[in-house]
N, C-alpha and C. Protein backbone atom coordinates (compact mmCIF):
# COMPACT_ATOMS: atom_id res chain seq x y z
N MET A 1 35.26 4.21 -10.15
CA MET A 1 34.75 3.09 -10.39
C MET A 1 34.84 2.07 -9.49
N PRO A 2 33.61 1.52 -9.49
CA PRO A 2 33.65 0.30 -8.43
C PRO A 2 34.08 -0.67 -8.54
N SER A 3 34.20 -1.29 -7.11
CA SER A 3 34.92 -2.53 -7.07
C SER A 3 34.58 -3.65 -7.57
N LEU A 4 34.68 -5.09 -8.28
CA LEU A 4 33.70 -5.79 -8.05
C LEU A 4 33.25 -6.34 -6.93
N LYS A 5 33.82 -6.44 -5.93
CA LYS A 5 32.82 -7.07 -4.64
C LYS A 5 31.90 -5.89 -4.81
N HIS A 6 31.66 -4.73 -4.87
CA HIS A 6 30.97 -3.53 -4.60
C HIS A 6 29.52 -4.28 -5.80
N LEU A 7 29.79 -4.09 -6.93
CA LEU A 7 29.06 -4.56 -7.81
C LEU A 7 28.63 -5.91 -7.52
N ALA A 8 29.19 -6.82 -7.01
CA ALA A 8 28.74 -8.29 -6.94
C ALA A 8 27.60 -8.04 -5.60
N SER A 9 27.73 -7.46 -4.79
CA SER A 9 27.31 -7.02 -3.73
C SER A 9 25.93 -6.37 -3.93
N ARG A 10 25.63 -5.41 -5.05
CA ARG A 10 25.06 -4.64 -5.47
C ARG A 10 23.91 -5.78 -6.61
N PHE A 11 24.36 -6.61 -7.02
CA PHE A 11 23.80 -7.74 -7.75
C PHE A 11 23.43 -8.24 -6.93
N ALA A 12 23.64 -8.84 -5.63
CA ALA A 12 23.13 -9.97 -4.64
C ALA A 12 21.78 -9.32 -3.62
N ILE A 13 22.05 -7.93 -4.00
CA ILE A 13 20.86 -7.25 -3.17
C ILE A 13 19.52 -6.98 -4.25
N ALA A 14 20.16 -6.94 -5.35
CA ALA A 14 18.86 -6.56 -6.48
C ALA A 14 18.24 -8.10 -6.81
N CYS A 15 19.20 -9.40 -6.70
CA CYS A 15 18.63 -10.42 -6.64
C CYS A 15 17.76 -10.46 -5.48
N ALA A 16 17.97 -10.70 -4.44
CA ALA A 16 17.07 -10.93 -3.28
C ALA A 16 15.81 -10.04 -3.22
N LEU A 17 15.61 -8.88 -3.46
CA LEU A 17 14.81 -8.33 -3.74
C LEU A 17 13.61 -8.45 -4.98
N LEU A 18 14.01 -9.30 -6.17
CA LEU A 18 13.38 -9.47 -6.88
C LEU A 18 12.85 -11.09 -6.54
N ALA A 19 13.87 -11.36 -6.45
CA ALA A 19 13.26 -12.46 -5.23
C ALA A 19 12.13 -12.61 -4.35
N LEU A 20 12.42 -11.05 -3.43
CA LEU A 20 11.46 -11.44 -2.69
C LEU A 20 9.92 -11.04 -3.31
N SER A 21 10.14 -10.34 -4.16
CA SER A 21 8.21 -9.73 -4.89
C SER A 21 8.22 -10.75 -5.81
N ALA A 22 8.62 -11.85 -6.47
CA ALA A 22 7.81 -13.30 -6.62
C ALA A 22 7.36 -13.74 -6.00
N CYS A 23 7.59 -13.61 -4.36
CA CYS A 23 6.93 -14.29 -3.35
C CYS A 23 5.47 -14.34 -3.12
N ASP A 24 5.48 -12.62 -3.43
CA ASP A 24 4.74 -11.76 -2.73
C ASP A 24 2.94 -12.61 -3.32
N PRO A 25 2.80 -13.03 -4.38
CA PRO A 25 1.37 -13.65 -4.46
C PRO A 25 0.91 -14.89 -3.93
N GLN A 26 2.07 -15.24 -3.18
CA GLN A 26 1.84 -16.46 -2.42
C GLN A 26 1.46 -15.86 -0.94
N ARG A 27 2.20 -15.11 -0.52
CA ARG A 27 1.95 -14.29 0.65
C ARG A 27 0.25 -13.57 0.81
N ILE A 28 0.06 -12.77 -0.54
CA ILE A 28 -1.10 -12.10 -0.11
C ILE A 28 -2.27 -13.69 -0.22
N SER A 29 -1.92 -14.54 -0.51
CA SER A 29 -3.21 -15.36 -0.82
C SER A 29 -3.14 -16.33 0.57
N GLU A 30 -2.32 -16.37 1.32
CA GLU A 30 -1.95 -16.60 3.07
C GLU A 30 -2.84 -15.57 4.16
N LEU A 31 -3.20 -13.96 3.82
CA LEU A 31 -3.67 -12.83 4.03
C LEU A 31 -5.56 -13.02 3.63
N GLU A 32 -6.22 -12.88 4.60
CA GLU A 32 -7.62 -12.11 4.77
C GLU A 32 -8.07 -11.10 4.79
N GLU A 33 -8.90 -10.44 4.40
CA GLU A 33 -9.40 -8.75 4.69
C GLU A 33 -10.30 -9.28 5.96
N GLY A 34 -10.35 -8.78 7.11
CA GLY A 34 -11.22 -8.78 8.10
C GLY A 34 -10.83 -9.60 9.31
N LEU A 35 -9.79 -10.75 8.66
CA LEU A 35 -9.50 -11.56 9.66
C LEU A 35 -7.85 -11.82 10.12
N SER A 36 -7.52 -11.67 9.12
CA SER A 36 -5.78 -11.17 9.44
C SER A 36 -5.45 -10.15 10.07
N THR A 37 -4.42 -9.83 10.75
CA THR A 37 -4.03 -9.20 11.90
C THR A 37 -2.84 -8.51 11.59
N GLU A 38 -2.68 -7.55 11.95
CA GLU A 38 -1.07 -6.78 11.54
C GLU A 38 0.09 -7.46 12.03
N VAL A 39 -0.26 -8.65 12.95
CA VAL A 39 0.91 -9.59 13.20
C VAL A 39 1.15 -10.34 11.88
N ASP A 40 0.14 -11.11 11.32
CA ASP A 40 0.00 -11.59 10.18
C ASP A 40 0.42 -11.08 9.22
N VAL A 41 0.18 -10.11 8.72
CA VAL A 41 0.97 -9.37 7.35
C VAL A 41 2.43 -8.96 7.92
N ARG A 42 3.02 -8.79 8.92
CA ARG A 42 4.18 -8.68 9.13
C ARG A 42 4.79 -9.63 8.86
N ASP A 43 4.38 -11.21 9.49
CA ASP A 43 4.93 -11.81 9.43
C ASP A 43 5.35 -12.71 7.80
N ARG A 44 4.17 -12.45 7.02
CA ARG A 44 4.26 -12.22 5.61
C ARG A 44 5.16 -11.43 4.82
N PHE A 45 4.96 -10.17 5.03
CA PHE A 45 6.07 -9.25 4.10
C PHE A 45 6.99 -8.64 5.14
N GLY A 46 7.10 -8.96 6.46
CA GLY A 46 7.81 -7.89 6.96
C GLY A 46 7.90 -6.88 7.64
N VAL A 47 9.24 -6.12 7.43
CA VAL A 47 8.96 -4.91 8.65
C VAL A 47 8.59 -3.99 6.94
N PRO A 48 7.27 -2.60 7.22
CA PRO A 48 7.00 -1.81 6.20
C PRO A 48 8.32 -0.85 6.00
N ASP A 49 7.89 -0.66 4.73
CA ASP A 49 8.87 0.87 4.33
C ASP A 49 8.43 2.12 4.88
N GLN A 50 7.09 2.13 5.20
CA GLN A 50 6.49 3.58 5.83
C GLN A 50 5.19 2.75 6.61
N VAL A 51 5.11 3.62 7.35
CA VAL A 51 3.45 3.29 8.28
C VAL A 51 2.85 4.76 7.82
N TRP A 52 1.49 4.62 7.49
CA TRP A 52 1.05 5.90 7.06
C TRP A 52 -0.02 6.40 8.20
N ASP A 53 -0.30 7.16 8.97
CA ASP A 53 -1.37 7.43 10.24
C ASP A 53 -2.71 7.98 9.13
N ASP A 54 -3.66 6.92 9.18
CA ASP A 54 -4.65 7.47 8.48
C ASP A 54 -6.07 7.81 9.41
N GLY A 55 -5.51 8.13 10.87
CA GLY A 55 -6.40 8.78 11.69
C GLY A 55 -7.50 7.81 12.10
N GLY A 56 -7.91 7.88 13.47
CA GLY A 56 -9.31 7.20 14.13
C GLY A 56 -8.59 5.55 14.28
N GLY A 57 -7.15 5.74 14.42
CA GLY A 57 -7.03 4.36 14.95
C GLY A 57 -6.17 3.37 13.89
N SER A 58 -6.70 3.75 12.45
CA SER A 58 -6.26 2.92 11.18
C SER A 58 -5.04 3.62 10.89
N ARG A 59 -4.00 2.38 10.02
CA ARG A 59 -2.88 2.92 9.62
C ARG A 59 -2.59 2.07 8.23
N THR A 60 -1.73 2.36 7.15
CA THR A 60 -1.54 1.82 6.18
C THR A 60 -0.19 1.54 6.36
N LEU A 61 0.25 0.34 6.27
CA LEU A 61 1.85 -0.06 6.02
C LEU A 61 1.92 -0.05 4.24
N GLU A 62 2.82 0.42 3.75
CA GLU A 62 3.43 0.47 2.91
C GLU A 62 5.08 -0.30 2.65
N TYR A 63 4.45 -1.58 1.45
CA TYR A 63 5.55 -2.53 1.11
C TYR A 63 5.81 -2.27 -0.37
N ASN A 64 6.77 -1.75 -0.44
CA ASN A 64 7.55 -0.98 -1.83
C ASN A 64 8.43 -2.10 -2.45
N ARG A 65 8.32 -2.12 -3.34
CA ARG A 65 8.83 -3.37 -4.59
C ARG A 65 9.69 -2.66 -5.44
N GLN A 66 10.08 -1.09 -5.32
CA GLN A 66 10.91 -0.18 -6.33
C GLN A 66 12.15 -0.77 -5.77
N PRO A 67 12.98 -0.56 -6.63
CA PRO A 67 13.39 -0.11 -7.85
C PRO A 67 13.10 -1.40 -8.98
N ALA A 68 13.68 -2.86 -8.06
CA ALA A 68 13.76 -4.08 -8.66
C ALA A 68 12.14 -4.72 -9.19
N GLY A 69 11.04 -4.50 -8.01
CA GLY A 69 10.04 -4.87 -8.57
C GLY A 69 9.06 -4.04 -9.39
N LEU A 70 7.83 -4.41 -9.28
CA LEU A 70 6.90 -3.66 -10.61
C LEU A 70 5.55 -3.51 -9.81
N ARG A 71 5.88 -3.36 -8.62
CA ARG A 71 4.51 -3.51 -7.69
C ARG A 71 4.69 -2.76 -6.40
N ASN A 72 3.92 -1.76 -6.11
CA ASN A 72 4.15 -1.46 -4.63
C ASN A 72 2.53 -1.82 -3.80
N TYR A 73 2.61 -1.96 -2.54
CA TYR A 73 1.11 -2.49 -1.90
C TYR A 73 1.25 -1.95 -0.91
N MET A 74 -0.07 -1.39 -0.85
CA MET A 74 -0.65 -0.35 0.89
C MET A 74 -1.59 -1.41 1.55
N ILE A 75 -1.12 -2.09 2.71
CA ILE A 75 -2.04 -2.81 3.28
C ILE A 75 -2.55 -1.68 4.85
N THR A 76 -3.86 -1.87 4.99
CA THR A 76 -4.63 -0.68 5.84
C THR A 76 -4.62 -1.74 6.59
N ILE A 77 -4.55 -1.61 8.09
CA ILE A 77 -4.91 -2.03 9.03
C ILE A 77 -5.90 -1.00 9.97
N GLY A 78 -7.48 -1.92 10.25
CA GLY A 78 -8.17 -0.84 10.93
C GLY A 78 -7.84 -0.97 12.39
N PRO A 79 -8.90 -0.36 13.05
CA PRO A 79 -8.59 0.15 14.26
C PRO A 79 -8.79 -1.19 15.80
N ASP A 80 -9.25 -1.83 14.76
CA ASP A 80 -9.49 -3.76 15.32
C ASP A 80 -7.97 -4.33 15.42
N GLY A 81 -7.63 -3.71 14.55
CA GLY A 81 -5.69 -4.27 14.41
C GLY A 81 -5.84 -5.40 13.24
N LYS A 82 -7.03 -5.37 12.74
CA LYS A 82 -6.77 -6.74 11.24
C LYS A 82 -7.21 -5.81 10.02
N MET A 83 -6.73 -6.57 8.95
CA MET A 83 -6.49 -6.06 7.99
C MET A 83 -7.76 -5.63 7.49
N SER A 84 -7.94 -4.26 6.80
CA SER A 84 -9.00 -4.19 6.47
C SER A 84 -8.88 -4.06 4.51
N ALA A 85 -7.88 -3.63 4.04
CA ALA A 85 -7.65 -3.40 2.89
C ALA A 85 -6.55 -3.86 2.55
N LEU A 86 -5.95 -4.50 1.04
CA LEU A 86 -4.60 -4.83 0.75
C LEU A 86 -4.69 -4.72 -1.06
N ARG A 87 -3.86 -3.59 -1.76
CA ARG A 87 -4.25 -2.72 -2.60
C ARG A 87 -2.72 -2.75 -3.20
N GLN A 88 -2.71 -3.05 -4.20
CA GLN A 88 -1.34 -3.17 -5.14
C GLN A 88 -1.71 -1.55 -6.00
N VAL A 89 -0.82 -0.40 -5.64
CA VAL A 89 -0.81 0.85 -5.89
C VAL A 89 -0.58 1.31 -6.86
N LEU A 90 0.00 0.46 -8.03
CA LEU A 90 0.90 1.11 -9.12
C LEU A 90 0.09 0.30 -10.51
N THR A 91 -1.05 1.01 -10.25
CA THR A 91 -2.13 0.97 -11.15
C THR A 91 -2.64 2.37 -12.56
N PRO A 92 -3.29 2.28 -13.68
CA PRO A 92 -3.54 3.40 -14.32
C PRO A 92 -4.28 4.23 -13.45
N GLU A 93 -5.34 3.23 -12.83
CA GLU A 93 -6.52 4.27 -12.55
C GLU A 93 -6.16 5.09 -11.18
N ASN A 94 -4.92 4.54 -10.34
CA ASN A 94 -3.90 5.78 -9.60
C ASN A 94 -3.09 6.71 -10.28
N PHE A 95 -2.66 5.94 -10.85
CA PHE A 95 -1.77 6.99 -11.77
C PHE A 95 -2.95 8.07 -12.46
N ALA A 96 -3.99 7.82 -12.80
CA ALA A 96 -4.92 9.17 -13.42
C ALA A 96 -5.37 9.97 -12.14
N ARG A 97 -4.92 9.56 -10.81
CA ARG A 97 -5.83 10.46 -9.93
C ARG A 97 -4.52 11.45 -9.71
N ILE A 98 -3.21 11.17 -10.39
CA ILE A 98 -1.92 12.11 -9.94
C ILE A 98 -2.45 13.60 -10.74
N THR A 99 -2.77 14.28 -10.07
CA THR A 99 -2.99 15.46 -11.24
C THR A 99 -1.99 17.14 -10.84
N PRO A 100 -2.07 18.07 -11.69
CA PRO A 100 -1.12 18.88 -11.67
C PRO A 100 -1.67 19.94 -10.31
N GLY A 101 -0.39 20.64 -9.83
CA GLY A 101 -0.85 21.35 -8.43
C GLY A 101 -0.69 20.21 -7.18
N MET A 102 -0.67 19.03 -7.38
CA MET A 102 -0.77 17.87 -6.38
C MET A 102 0.72 18.02 -5.82
N GLY A 103 0.64 17.88 -4.14
CA GLY A 103 1.70 18.00 -3.69
C GLY A 103 2.54 16.37 -3.63
N MET A 104 3.58 17.03 -3.98
CA MET A 104 4.84 14.92 -3.87
C MET A 104 4.31 14.22 -2.74
N ASP A 105 4.17 14.98 -1.39
CA ASP A 105 4.10 14.40 -0.39
C ASP A 105 2.74 13.41 -0.79
N GLU A 106 1.56 13.62 -1.50
CA GLU A 106 0.27 13.03 -1.58
C GLU A 106 0.67 12.40 -2.52
N VAL A 107 1.52 12.55 -3.92
CA VAL A 107 2.08 11.64 -4.30
C VAL A 107 3.06 10.26 -3.94
N ARG A 108 3.58 10.34 -2.99
CA ARG A 108 4.27 9.44 -2.35
C ARG A 108 3.35 8.74 -1.68
N ARG A 109 2.32 9.11 -0.78
CA ARG A 109 1.57 8.39 0.23
C ARG A 109 0.23 7.37 -0.61
N ARG A 110 0.46 8.12 -2.11
CA ARG A 110 -0.49 7.15 -2.99
C ARG A 110 -0.16 6.07 -3.90
N LEU A 111 1.32 6.14 -3.93
CA LEU A 111 2.25 5.43 -5.01
C LEU A 111 3.22 4.55 -4.25
N GLY A 112 3.33 4.94 -2.97
CA GLY A 112 4.85 4.61 -2.28
C GLY A 112 6.03 4.99 -3.26
N LYS A 113 7.23 4.57 -2.15
CA LYS A 113 8.22 5.46 -3.09
C LYS A 113 8.77 5.39 -4.49
N PRO A 114 9.24 6.27 -4.77
CA PRO A 114 9.49 5.80 -6.19
C PRO A 114 11.09 5.14 -6.80
N ALA A 115 10.80 4.55 -7.77
CA ALA A 115 12.20 3.45 -8.18
C ALA A 115 13.35 4.57 -8.00
N LYS A 116 12.94 5.29 -8.66
CA LYS A 116 14.25 6.63 -9.24
C LYS A 116 13.75 8.11 -9.28
N VAL A 117 14.09 9.06 -8.39
CA VAL A 117 14.13 10.17 -8.69
C VAL A 117 15.48 11.27 -8.96
N THR A 118 15.04 11.93 -10.24
CA THR A 118 16.07 12.42 -10.60
C THR A 118 16.09 14.17 -11.15
N PRO A 119 16.46 14.83 -10.13
CA PRO A 119 16.57 16.01 -10.14
C PRO A 119 17.42 16.92 -11.82
N LEU A 120 16.35 17.78 -12.40
CA LEU A 120 17.00 18.68 -13.60
C LEU A 120 16.92 19.89 -13.42
N ALA A 121 18.23 20.38 -13.30
CA ALA A 121 18.44 21.67 -12.28
C ALA A 121 17.99 22.66 -13.12
N LEU A 122 18.74 22.62 -14.34
CA LEU A 122 18.60 23.75 -15.55
C LEU A 122 16.61 23.76 -15.87
N GLN A 123 15.99 22.80 -15.92
CA GLN A 123 15.01 22.77 -16.40
C GLN A 123 14.14 22.82 -14.93
N ASN A 124 14.44 23.35 -13.53
CA ASN A 124 13.85 23.36 -12.48
C ASN A 124 12.78 22.41 -12.22
N GLU A 125 13.13 21.09 -12.57
CA GLU A 125 11.91 20.11 -12.76
C GLU A 125 12.97 19.06 -12.03
N THR A 126 11.75 17.93 -10.65
CA THR A 126 12.28 16.64 -10.71
C THR A 126 11.66 15.71 -10.87
N HIS A 127 12.41 14.48 -11.54
CA HIS A 127 10.94 13.52 -12.57
C HIS A 127 11.49 12.26 -11.40
N HIS A 128 10.43 11.82 -10.93
CA HIS A 128 9.88 11.07 -10.19
C HIS A 128 9.54 9.37 -11.05
N ASP A 129 10.09 8.41 -11.05
CA ASP A 129 9.87 7.46 -11.60
C ASP A 129 9.40 6.23 -10.74
N TRP A 130 8.36 5.59 -11.18
CA TRP A 130 7.57 4.10 -11.15
C TRP A 130 7.54 3.26 -11.92
N ARG A 131 8.54 1.89 -11.92
CA ARG A 131 8.18 1.05 -12.99
C ARG A 131 6.99 -0.23 -12.39
N PHE A 132 5.83 -0.13 -13.71
CA PHE A 132 5.18 -0.98 -13.47
C PHE A 132 4.99 -2.21 -14.71
N LEU A 133 4.09 -2.78 -14.19
CA LEU A 133 4.04 -3.83 -15.62
C LEU A 133 2.32 -3.31 -15.95
N GLU A 134 2.54 -3.36 -17.58
CA GLU A 134 1.43 -3.40 -18.43
C GLU A 134 1.26 -4.74 -19.05
N PRO A 135 -0.14 -5.18 -18.72
CA PRO A 135 -0.30 -6.73 -18.68
C PRO A 135 0.03 -6.52 -20.70
N PRO A 136 0.80 -8.19 -21.39
CA PRO A 136 0.66 -8.88 -20.04
C PRO A 136 1.81 -9.14 -19.86
N ASN A 137 2.82 -8.71 -20.01
CA ASN A 137 4.30 -8.21 -19.36
C ASN A 137 5.38 -7.49 -19.97
N THR A 138 4.73 -6.19 -20.26
CA THR A 138 5.51 -5.12 -20.66
C THR A 138 6.05 -4.05 -19.37
N THR A 139 7.04 -3.96 -19.38
CA THR A 139 7.57 -2.98 -18.19
C THR A 139 7.35 -1.76 -18.80
N MET A 140 7.10 -0.74 -17.93
CA MET A 140 6.80 0.36 -18.23
C MET A 140 7.10 1.28 -17.16
N VAL A 141 7.09 2.78 -17.57
CA VAL A 141 7.33 3.52 -16.57
C VAL A 141 6.70 4.92 -15.99
N PHE A 142 6.04 5.20 -14.98
CA PHE A 142 4.97 6.27 -14.86
C PHE A 142 5.66 7.61 -14.44
N THR A 143 5.99 8.77 -14.75
CA THR A 143 6.65 9.69 -14.46
C THR A 143 6.24 10.80 -13.74
N VAL A 144 6.10 11.00 -12.69
CA VAL A 144 5.52 12.66 -12.02
C VAL A 144 6.84 13.58 -12.07
N VAL A 145 7.03 14.81 -13.30
CA VAL A 145 7.18 15.97 -13.16
C VAL A 145 6.86 16.88 -11.90
N ALA A 146 7.82 16.95 -10.82
CA ALA A 146 7.60 18.49 -10.45
C ALA A 146 8.34 19.58 -10.30
N ASP A 147 7.48 20.64 -9.50
CA ASP A 147 8.46 21.99 -9.77
C ASP A 147 9.44 21.61 -8.36
N ARG A 148 9.94 23.04 -8.22
CA ARG A 148 11.10 22.98 -6.99
C ARG A 148 9.72 22.67 -5.51
N GLN A 149 9.35 23.67 -5.85
CA GLN A 149 7.93 23.29 -4.21
C GLN A 149 7.47 21.99 -4.56
N LEU A 150 7.73 20.79 -4.87
CA LEU A 150 7.42 19.47 -4.99
C LEU A 150 6.13 19.70 -5.04
N ARG A 151 5.37 20.25 -6.30
CA ARG A 151 3.87 20.23 -6.66
C ARG A 151 4.11 19.29 -8.54
N VAL A 152 3.24 19.12 -8.56
CA VAL A 152 3.09 18.13 -9.19
C VAL A 152 2.96 19.17 -11.07
N LEU A 153 3.71 18.86 -11.67
CA LEU A 153 3.90 19.66 -13.01
C LEU A 153 2.67 19.04 -14.22
N ARG A 154 3.18 17.83 -14.59
CA ARG A 154 2.83 16.97 -15.17
C ARG A 154 3.25 15.33 -15.03
N THR A 155 2.25 14.80 -15.77
CA THR A 155 2.64 13.37 -15.78
C THR A 155 3.03 12.82 -17.07
N GLN A 156 3.54 11.86 -16.89
CA GLN A 156 3.73 10.50 -18.57
C GLN A 156 4.35 9.47 -18.06
N VAL A 157 3.47 8.75 -19.05
CA VAL A 157 3.81 7.13 -19.38
C VAL A 157 4.86 6.81 -20.70
N GLY A 158 5.81 5.91 -19.92
CA GLY A 158 6.59 5.56 -21.36
C GLY A 158 7.21 4.09 -21.44
N PRO A 159 7.25 3.53 -22.10
CA PRO A 159 8.50 2.27 -22.00
C PRO A 159 9.41 2.20 -21.08
N ASN A 160 10.17 1.13 -20.33
CA ASN A 160 11.06 1.22 -19.56
C ASN A 160 12.00 0.98 -20.85
N LEU A 161 12.97 1.66 -20.74
CA LEU A 161 14.12 1.71 -21.74
C LEU A 161 15.45 0.59 -20.94
N ASN A 162 15.39 -0.11 -20.09
CA ASN A 162 16.34 -0.89 -19.55
C ASN A 162 15.60 -2.16 -19.62
N THR A 163 14.47 -2.44 -19.94
CA THR A 163 14.11 -3.82 -20.02
C THR A 163 12.88 -3.96 -20.60
N GLN A 164 12.14 -4.64 -21.29
CA GLN A 164 11.08 -4.69 -21.95
C GLN A 164 10.21 -6.44 -21.24
N GLN A 165 10.92 -6.78 -20.51
CA GLN A 165 10.14 -7.47 -20.09
C GLN A 165 9.74 -7.78 -18.46
N GLY A 166 8.50 -8.32 -17.98
CA GLY A 166 8.00 -7.62 -17.29
C GLY A 166 8.43 -9.08 -15.58
N GLY A 167 8.34 -8.69 -14.71
CA GLY A 167 8.43 -9.37 -13.55
C GLY A 167 7.79 -8.47 -12.30
N GLY A 168 8.58 -9.27 -10.69
CA GLY A 168 7.89 -8.78 -9.70
C GLY A 168 6.89 -7.77 -9.78
């Protein structure tokens, strides 16, 4: 059983993550495509969770807000060192691009790190969940079900049974 100190620590971390994601609109408003530099991005968002090499000198910085938040950001830095795109990737349009047979590495690249990964050994499946906001304020879960070879079998969307109110 977790100690009270351990639970308090986990609660403090969750609150800090939620507060961090609440500041995102302000940070985004301070950046401008084509003008802001990677230094500007890192000054506002901090160290990225992942850096993806896009080839040709471009790279994408992943800023993950899972599991406490409801958004994941991919910020592309061009070969000139300037921000060329800032995208919130947990959208129905991006979910629709996840198709059976796709590798989980490509899914991870498109959506960022999931909020939760649940192996289901008896079914030979693993469920990868991303929490997202369905307007105006309903928290939903997008699930990618993968086989043992880490290939997408199917996807599903449903309500987040832990909470129905949105945020982050």
